[in-house]
PDB file of N, CA and C in Angstrom:
ATOM      1  N   MET A   1     -40.574  13.470  -3.569  1.00  0.00           N
ATOM      2  CA  MET A   1     -39.244  12.957  -3.331  1.00  0.00           C
ATOM      3  C   MET A   1     -38.858  13.330  -1.916  1.00  0.00           C
ATOM      4  N   ILE A   2     -38.210  12.412  -1.230  1.00  0.00           N
ATOM      5  CA  ILE A   2     -37.709  12.681   0.109  1.00  0.00           C
ATOM      6  C   ILE A   2     -36.222  12.334   0.138  1.00  0.00           C
ATOM      7  N   LEU A   3     -35.477  13.136   0.863  1.00  0.00           N
ATOM      8  CA  LEU A   3     -34.049  12.897   1.037  1.00  0.00           C
ATOM      9  C   LEU A   3     -33.736  13.196   2.487  1.00  0.00           C
ATOM     10  N   ALA A   4     -33.148  12.234   3.197  1.00  0.00           N
ATOM     11  CA  ALA A   4     -32.830  12.437   4.607  1.00  0.00           C
ATOM     12  C   ALA A   4     -31.540  11.707   4.949  1.00  0.00           C
ATOM     13  N   ASP A   5     -30.681  12.364   5.722  1.00  0.00           N
ATOM     14  CA  ASP A   5     -29.502  11.715   6.282  1.00  0.00           C
ATOM     15  C   ASP A   5     -29.845  11.373   7.724  1.00  0.00           C
ATOM     16  N   LEU A   6     -29.580  10.121   8.125  1.00  0.00           N
ATOM     17  CA  LEU A   6     -29.986   9.702   9.451  1.00  0.00           C
ATOM     18  C   LEU A   6     -29.039   8.682  10.054  1.00  0.00           C
ATOM     19  N   LYS A   7     -29.162   8.524  11.359  1.00  0.00           N
ATOM     20  CA  LYS A   7     -28.432   7.494  12.086  1.00  0.00           C
ATOM     21  C   LYS A   7     -29.465   6.462  12.509  1.00  0.00           C
ATOM     22  N   LEU A   8     -29.135   5.195  12.328  1.00  0.00           N
ATOM     23  CA  LEU A   8     -30.075   4.124  12.635  1.00  0.00           C
ATOM     24  C   LEU A   8     -29.699   3.449  13.948  1.00  0.00           C
ATOM     25  N   GLY A   9     -30.701   2.953  14.654  1.00  0.00           N
ATOM     26  CA  GLY A   9     -30.459   2.231  15.898  1.00  0.00           C
ATOM     27  C   GLY A   9     -29.865   0.858  15.661  1.00  0.00           C
ATOM     28  N   ARG A  10     -30.051   0.334  14.458  1.00  0.00           N
ATOM     29  CA  ARG A  10     -29.520  -0.984  14.103  1.00  0.00           C
ATOM     30  C   ARG A  10     -28.980  -0.925  12.691  1.00  0.00           C
ATOM     31  N   LYS A  11     -27.792  -1.448  12.470  1.00  0.00           N
ATOM     32  CA  LYS A  11     -27.171  -1.435  11.148  1.00  0.00           C
ATOM     33  C   LYS A  11     -27.883  -2.425  10.218  1.00  0.00           C
ATOM     34  N   PRO A  12     -28.231  -2.004   8.987  1.00  0.00           N
ATOM     35  CA  PRO A  12     -28.850  -2.921   8.019  1.00  0.00           C
ATOM     36  C   PRO A  12     -27.888  -4.044   7.620  1.00  0.00           C
ATOM     37  N   ASN A  13     -28.439  -5.101   7.055  1.00  0.00           N
ATOM     38  CA  ASN A  13     -27.618  -6.244   6.622  1.00  0.00           C
ATOM     39  C   ASN A  13     -26.715  -5.896   5.443  1.00  0.00           C
ATOM     40  N   ARG A  14     -27.110  -4.911   4.652  1.00  0.00           N
ATOM     41  CA  ARG A  14     -26.341  -4.529   3.460  1.00  0.00           C
ATOM     42  C   ARG A  14     -26.066  -3.028   3.475  1.00  0.00           C
ATOM     43  N   PRO A  15     -24.967  -2.571   2.855  1.00  0.00           N
ATOM     44  CA  PRO A  15     -24.682  -1.137   2.803  1.00  0.00           C
ATOM     45  C   PRO A  15     -25.559  -0.384   1.802  1.00  0.00           C
ATOM     46  N   PHE A  16     -26.260  -1.117   0.945  1.00  0.00           N
ATOM     47  CA  PHE A  16     -27.106  -0.523  -0.096  1.00  0.00           C
ATOM     48  C   PHE A  16     -28.386  -1.348  -0.161  1.00  0.00           C
ATOM     49  N   THR A  17     -29.524  -0.719   0.107  1.00  0.00           N
ATOM     50  CA  THR A  17     -30.805  -1.432   0.119  1.00  0.00           C
ATOM     51  C   THR A  17     -31.807  -0.655  -0.710  1.00  0.00           C
ATOM     52  N   VAL A  18     -32.533  -1.351  -1.573  1.00  0.00           N
ATOM     53  CA  VAL A  18     -33.555  -0.700  -2.384  1.00  0.00           C
ATOM     54  C   VAL A  18     -34.827  -1.546  -2.344  1.00  0.00           C
ATOM     55  N   ASN A  19     -35.958  -0.855  -2.340  1.00  0.00           N
ATOM     56  CA  ASN A  19     -37.253  -1.506  -2.406  1.00  0.00           C
ATOM     57  C   ASN A  19     -38.100  -0.693  -3.374  1.00  0.00           C
ATOM     58  N   ALA A  20     -38.680  -1.346  -4.347  1.00  0.00           N
ATOM     59  CA  ALA A  20     -39.468  -0.630  -5.357  1.00  0.00           C
ATOM     60  C   ALA A  20     -40.817  -1.312  -5.560  1.00  0.00           C
ATOM     61  N   VAL A  21     -41.801  -0.474  -5.821  1.00  0.00           N
ATOM     62  CA  VAL A  21     -43.145  -0.920  -6.189  1.00  0.00           C
ATOM     63  C   VAL A  21     -43.529  -0.111  -7.426  1.00  0.00           C
ATOM     64  N   PRO A  22     -44.602  -0.448  -8.113  1.00  0.00           N
ATOM     65  CA  PRO A  22     -44.934   0.284  -9.338  1.00  0.00           C
ATOM     66  C   PRO A  22     -45.086   1.798  -9.159  1.00  0.00           C
ATOM     67  N   ASP A  23     -45.494   2.250  -7.972  1.00  0.00           N
ATOM     68  CA  ASP A  23     -45.739   3.679  -7.784  1.00  0.00           C
ATOM     69  C   ASP A  23     -44.706   4.388  -6.921  1.00  0.00           C
ATOM     70  N   GLY A  24     -43.571   3.752  -6.644  1.00  0.00           N
ATOM     71  CA  GLY A  24     -42.564   4.431  -5.832  1.00  0.00           C
ATOM     72  C   GLY A  24     -41.367   3.552  -5.530  1.00  0.00           C
ATOM     73  N   PHE A  25     -40.445   4.133  -4.759  1.00  0.00           N
ATOM     74  CA  PHE A  25     -39.256   3.394  -4.354  1.00  0.00           C
ATOM     75  C   PHE A  25     -38.681   3.983  -3.075  1.00  0.00           C
ATOM     76  N   ALA A  26     -37.851   3.199  -2.410  1.00  0.00           N
ATOM     77  CA  ALA A  26     -37.071   3.660  -1.261  1.00  0.00           C
ATOM     78  C   ALA A  26     -35.663   3.106  -1.421  1.00  0.00           C
ATOM     79  N   LEU A  27     -34.681   3.931  -1.137  1.00  0.00           N
ATOM     80  CA  LEU A  27     -33.275   3.566  -1.283  1.00  0.00           C
ATOM     81  C   LEU A  27     -32.546   3.991  -0.020  1.00  0.00           C
ATOM     82  N   LEU A  28     -31.816   3.065   0.593  1.00  0.00           N
ATOM     83  CA  LEU A  28     -31.028   3.342   1.791  1.00  0.00           C
ATOM     84  C   LEU A  28     -29.572   3.061   1.457  1.00  0.00           C
ATOM     85  N   THR A  29     -28.710   4.058   1.629  1.00  0.00           N
ATOM     86  CA  THR A  29     -27.306   3.954   1.255  1.00  0.00           C
ATOM     87  C   THR A  29     -26.432   4.311   2.448  1.00  0.00           C
ATOM     88  N   GLU A  30     -25.434   3.487   2.718  1.00  0.00           N
ATOM     89  CA  GLU A  30     -24.492   3.772   3.797  1.00  0.00           C
ATOM     90  C   GLU A  30     -23.567   4.911   3.370  1.00  0.00           C
ATOM     91  N   MET A  31     -23.430   5.923   4.242  1.00  0.00           N
ATOM     92  CA  MET A  31     -22.606   7.084   3.931  1.00  0.00           C
ATOM     93  C   MET A  31     -21.311   7.094   4.749  1.00  0.00           C
ATOM     94  N   GLY A  32     -21.145   6.172   5.686  1.00  0.00           N
ATOM     95  CA  GLY A  32     -19.968   6.122   6.543  1.00  0.00           C
ATOM     96  C   GLY A  32     -20.264   6.709   7.911  1.00  0.00           C
ATOM     97  N   GLU A  33     -19.433   6.378   8.888  1.00  0.00           N
ATOM     98  CA  GLU A  33     -19.595   6.899  10.253  1.00  0.00           C
ATOM     99  C   GLU A  33     -21.000   6.669  10.800  1.00  0.00           C
ATOM    100  N   ASP A  34     -21.581   5.500  10.522  1.00  0.00           N
ATOM    101  CA  ASP A  34     -22.930   5.145  10.997  1.00  0.00           C
ATOM    102  C   ASP A  34     -24.029   6.061  10.473  1.00  0.00           C
ATOM    103  N   THR A  35     -23.783   6.757   9.388  1.00  0.00           N
ATOM    104  CA  THR A  35     -24.781   7.627   8.778  1.00  0.00           C
ATOM    105  C   THR A  35     -25.296   6.992   7.495  1.00  0.00           C
ATOM    106  N   TYR A  36     -26.606   7.106   7.283  1.00  0.00           N
ATOM    107  CA  TYR A  36     -27.248   6.539   6.105  1.00  0.00           C
ATOM    108  C   TYR A  36     -28.066   7.612   5.412  1.00  0.00           C
ATOM    109  N   ARG A  37     -28.204   7.487   4.105  1.00  0.00           N
ATOM    110  CA  ARG A  37     -29.035   8.404   3.326  1.00  0.00           C
ATOM    111  C   ARG A  37     -30.258   7.637   2.846  1.00  0.00           C
ATOM    112  N   LEU A  38     -31.423   8.205   3.134  1.00  0.00           N
ATOM    113  CA  LEU A  38     -32.691   7.646   2.687  1.00  0.00           C
ATOM    114  C   LEU A  38     -33.216   8.513   1.559  1.00  0.00           C
ATOM    115  N   THR A  39     -33.510   7.893   0.431  1.00  0.00           N
ATOM    116  CA  THR A  39     -34.109   8.578  -0.712  1.00  0.00           C
ATOM    117  C   THR A  39     -35.377   7.813  -1.071  1.00  0.00           C
ATOM    118  N   GLY A  40     -36.461   8.535  -1.303  1.00  0.00           N
ATOM    119  CA  GLY A  40     -37.702   7.857  -1.635  1.00  0.00           C
ATOM    120  C   GLY A  40     -38.583   8.716  -2.525  1.00  0.00           C
ATOM    121  N   TRP A  41     -39.501   8.082  -3.201  1.00  0.00           N
ATOM    122  CA  TRP A  41     -40.420   8.767  -4.102  1.00  0.00           C
ATOM    123  C   TRP A  41     -41.734   8.003  -4.127  1.00  0.00           C
ATOM    124  N   ASN A  42     -42.831   8.748  -4.115  1.00  0.00           N
ATOM    125  CA  ASN A  42     -44.160   8.168  -4.212  1.00  0.00           C
ATOM    126  C   ASN A  42     -44.922   8.941  -5.278  1.00  0.00           C
ATOM    127  N   ARG A  43     -45.329   8.266  -6.316  1.00  0.00           N
ATOM    128  CA  ARG A  43     -46.026   8.894  -7.445  1.00  0.00           C
ATOM    129  C   ARG A  43     -47.280   9.641  -7.012  1.00  0.00           C
ATOM    130  N   HIS A  44     -47.942   9.182  -5.961  1.00  0.00           N
ATOM    131  CA  HIS A  44     -49.210   9.778  -5.545  1.00  0.00           C
ATOM    132  C   HIS A  44     -49.042  10.963  -4.588  1.00  0.00           C
ATOM    133  N   HIS A  45     -47.822  11.270  -4.197  1.00  0.00           N
ATOM    134  CA  HIS A  45     -47.565  12.397  -3.287  1.00  0.00           C
ATOM    135  C   HIS A  45     -46.437  13.244  -3.851  1.00  0.00           C
ATOM    136  N   GLN A  46     -46.723  13.976  -4.897  1.00  0.00           N
ATOM    137  CA  GLN A  46     -45.729  14.856  -5.501  1.00  0.00           C
ATOM    138  C   GLN A  46     -46.414  16.151  -5.940  1.00  0.00           C
ATOM    139  N   PRO A  47     -45.661  17.241  -5.983  1.00  0.00           N
ATOM    140  CA  PRO A  47     -46.267  18.513  -6.396  1.00  0.00           C
ATOM    141  C   PRO A  47     -46.664  18.492  -7.871  1.00  0.00           C
ATOM    142  N   ASP A  48     -47.617  19.314  -8.200  1.00  0.00           N
ATOM    143  CA  ASP A  48     -48.033  19.486  -9.580  1.00  0.00           C
ATOM    144  C   ASP A  48     -46.854  20.018 -10.397  1.00  0.00           C
ATOM    145  N   ASP A  49     -46.748  19.640 -11.643  1.00  0.00           N
ATOM    146  CA  ASP A  49     -45.654  20.093 -12.506  1.00  0.00           C
ATOM    147  C   ASP A  49     -45.584  21.623 -12.611  1.00  0.00           C
ATOM    148  N   LYS A  50     -46.703  22.284 -12.436  1.00  0.00           N
ATOM    149  CA  LYS A  50     -46.738  23.742 -12.544  1.00  0.00           C
ATOM    150  C   LYS A  50     -46.580  24.450 -11.207  1.00  0.00           C
ATOM    151  N   ALA A  51     -46.375  23.684 -10.123  1.00  0.00           N
ATOM    152  CA  ALA A  51     -46.230  24.285  -8.791  1.00  0.00           C
ATOM    153  C   ALA A  51     -44.919  25.080  -8.722  1.00  0.00           C
ATOM    154  N   ARG A  52     -44.957  26.191  -8.007  1.00  0.00           N
ATOM    155  CA  ARG A  52     -43.766  27.014  -7.841  1.00  0.00           C
ATOM    156  C   ARG A  52     -42.865  26.398  -6.787  1.00  0.00           C
ATOM    157  N   LEU A  53     -41.580  26.392  -7.034  1.00  0.00           N
ATOM    158  CA  LEU A  53     -40.605  25.922  -6.063  1.00  0.00           C
ATOM    159  C   LEU A  53     -40.171  27.087  -5.194  1.00  0.00           C
ATOM    160  N   ARG A  54     -39.945  26.820  -3.948  1.00  0.00           N
ATOM    161  CA  ARG A  54     -39.491  27.877  -3.033  1.00  0.00           C
ATOM    162  C   ARG A  54     -38.006  27.809  -2.843  1.00  0.00           C
TER     163      ARG A  54
END
């Protein structure tokens, strides 16, 4: 899972954008003041269920 707040060089056409495939997704949400939140997940790049969290 990835979570990032960022400023974009160009404003997207929509305030809420999602793209999904069978093994993951990406979600871009407008947060205001030209800030966007990117959330994404890829099934093939995730920690083992038994991995320790820091």
